[in-house]
Amino acid sequence: MELDYKAIGKRIKIAWIKADLTQERLAERIGISPTHLSNIETGTTRVSLSTIISIANALSVTGDDLLCDNIIMAKAPFEKDIAALLEDCDEYEIRIVKDMVSSLKDSLRRDSKLRQAVSGKTE
């Protein structure tokens, strides 16, 4: 399996912005150059596990928060992402989003059963 380094980099950038840091300040905290951090964020450099851990610790996030796009069992970080998306919604927007999510979930489950029927697989 090839890791999605661009997704990891994007989550790192979002995390330092949310932490009210600069790229330079984060790089200083973890002992790498701002250029190297920039390359990690763009996915042009493959980030090591030890650097991911250093970044997570410096930003007070979990490794799952940074890696969830690459992890199959990553429900909690995605739930946090959804909650963050809803933070600035008003009552009307929340109702619309809830209706859309409900419809999407119904479609996904219906389509899953259809896919299984077509492929001859059963649960």
Protein backbone atom coordinates (compact mmCIF):
# COMPACT_ATOMS: atom_id res chain seq x y z
CA MET A 1 0.00 0.00 0.00
CA GLU A 2 1.34 3.42 -0.98
CA LEU A 3 0.79 6.16 1.59
CA ASP A 4 -0.94 9.37 0.54
CA TYR A 5 1.81 11.78 1.57
CA LYS A 6 -0.09 14.79 0.19
CA ALA A 7 -3.02 14.02 2.50
CA ILE A 8 -0.66 13.72 5.46
CA GLY A 9 0.95 17.04 4.54
CA LYS A 10 -2.40 18.74 4.20
CA ARG A 11 -3.47 17.55 7.65
CA ILE A 12 -0.17 18.76 9.13
CA LYS A 13 -0.72 22.21 7.63
CA ILE A 14 -4.30 22.38 8.86
CA ALA A 15 -3.15 21.33 12.34
CA TRP A 16 -0.46 24.02 12.66
CA ILE A 17 -2.87 26.67 11.42
CA LYS A 18 -5.46 25.54 14.00
CA ALA A 19 -2.72 25.60 16.65
CA ASP A 20 -2.06 29.24 15.71
CA LEU A 21 1.53 28.48 14.71
CA THR A 22 3.58 29.32 11.68
CA GLN A 23 5.33 26.77 9.52
CA GLU A 24 8.64 28.20 10.72
CA ARG A 25 7.69 27.89 14.39
CA LEU A 26 6.56 24.26 13.98
CA ALA A 27 9.76 23.39 12.11
CA GLU A 28 11.78 24.96 14.92
CA ARG A 29 9.85 23.00 17.57
CA ILE A 30 10.54 19.67 15.90
CA GLY A 31 14.08 20.41 14.81
CA ILE A 32 13.76 20.42 11.02
CA SER A 33 14.12 23.19 8.46
CA PRO A 34 11.07 25.12 7.23
CA THR A 35 11.96 23.95 3.72
CA HIS A 36 11.85 20.31 4.80
CA LEU A 37 8.49 20.88 6.52
CA SER A 38 7.19 22.57 3.37
CA ASN A 39 8.26 19.54 1.33
CA ILE A 40 6.45 17.26 3.79
CA GLU A 41 3.30 19.38 3.47
CA THR A 42 3.33 19.20 -0.32
CA GLY A 43 3.99 15.47 -0.30
CA THR A 44 7.27 15.81 -2.18
CA THR A 45 9.17 14.35 0.79
CA ARG A 46 8.23 11.08 2.43
CA VAL A 47 7.80 11.89 6.08
CA SER A 48 9.28 9.42 8.57
CA LEU A 49 7.33 7.92 11.45
CA SER A 50 9.58 9.66 13.97
CA THR A 51 8.87 13.03 12.31
CA ILE A 52 5.12 12.35 12.29
CA ILE A 53 5.31 11.60 16.01
CA SER A 54 7.30 14.79 16.64
CA ILE A 55 4.79 16.83 14.65
CA ALA A 56 1.81 15.25 16.43
CA ASN A 57 3.37 15.93 19.83
CA ALA A 58 4.26 19.52 18.93
CA LEU A 59 0.71 20.17 17.71
CA SER A 60 -1.06 18.25 20.49
CA VAL A 61 -2.83 15.98 18.02
CA THR A 62 -2.73 12.23 17.57
CA GLY A 63 -0.88 10.33 14.91
CA ASP A 64 -4.31 9.14 13.75
CA ASP A 65 -5.31 12.76 13.20
CA LEU A 66 -2.43 13.13 10.74
CA LEU A 67 -2.62 9.66 9.17
CA CYS A 68 -6.37 8.98 9.07
CA ASP A 69 -6.60 9.28 5.26
CA ASN A 70 -4.26 6.27 5.11
CA ILE A 71 -5.86 4.20 7.89
CA ILE A 72 -8.87 2.00 7.25
CA MET A 73 -10.05 2.05 10.86
CA ALA A 74 -10.01 5.82 11.41
CA LYS A 75 -13.54 6.61 12.53
CA ALA A 76 -12.66 8.96 15.42
CA PRO A 77 -10.54 11.43 13.42
CA PHE A 78 -13.18 11.62 10.70
CA GLU A 79 -15.86 12.22 13.33
CA LYS A 80 -13.74 15.12 14.62
CA ASP A 81 -13.44 16.45 11.05
CA ILE A 82 -17.22 16.31 10.63
CA ALA A 83 -17.78 18.06 13.97
CA ALA A 84 -15.33 20.80 12.95
CA LEU A 85 -17.18 21.29 9.66
CA LEU A 86 -20.43 21.77 11.56
CA GLU A 87 -19.09 24.19 14.19
CA ASP A 88 -20.02 27.36 12.35
CA CYS A 89 -23.33 26.13 10.91
CA ASP A 90 -26.56 27.75 11.99
CA GLU A 91 -29.73 25.79 12.87
CA TYR A 92 -31.00 25.76 9.29
CA GLU A 93 -27.68 24.57 7.85
CA ILE A 94 -27.43 21.81 10.47
CA ARG A 95 -30.89 20.51 9.49
CA ILE A 96 -29.99 20.50 5.79
CA VAL A 97 -26.67 18.75 6.43
CA LYS A 98 -28.42 16.16 8.62
CA ASP A 99 -30.97 15.46 5.85
CA MET A 100 -28.19 15.17 3.26
CA VAL A 101 -26.12 12.81 5.43
CA SER A 102 -29.19 10.68 6.13
CA SER A 103 -29.98 10.41 2.41
CA LEU A 104 -26.36 9.68 1.54
CA LYS A 105 -26.14 6.98 4.19
CA ASP A 106 -29.35 5.36 2.92
CA SER A 107 -28.01 5.43 -0.67
CA LEU A 108 -24.65 3.97 0.35
CA ARG A 109 -26.29 1.12 2.20
CA ARG A 110 -28.79 0.45 -0.58
CA ASP A 111 -26.04 0.53 -3.20
CA SER A 112 -23.89 -1.76 -1.04
CA LYS A 113 -26.66 -4.37 -1.03
CA LEU A 114 -27.10 -3.94 -4.78
CA ARG A 115 -23.35 -4.38 -5.35
CA GLN A 116 -23.39 -7.54 -3.27
CA ALA A 117 -26.39 -8.90 -5.18
CA VAL A 118 -24.76 -8.18 -8.54
CA SER A 119 -21.43 -9.71 -7.52
CA GLY A 120 -23.09 -12.70 -5.86
CA LYS A 121 -21.59 -11.93 -2.45
CA THR A 122 -23.61 -12.08 0.76
CA GLU A 123 -22.90 -10.79 4.23
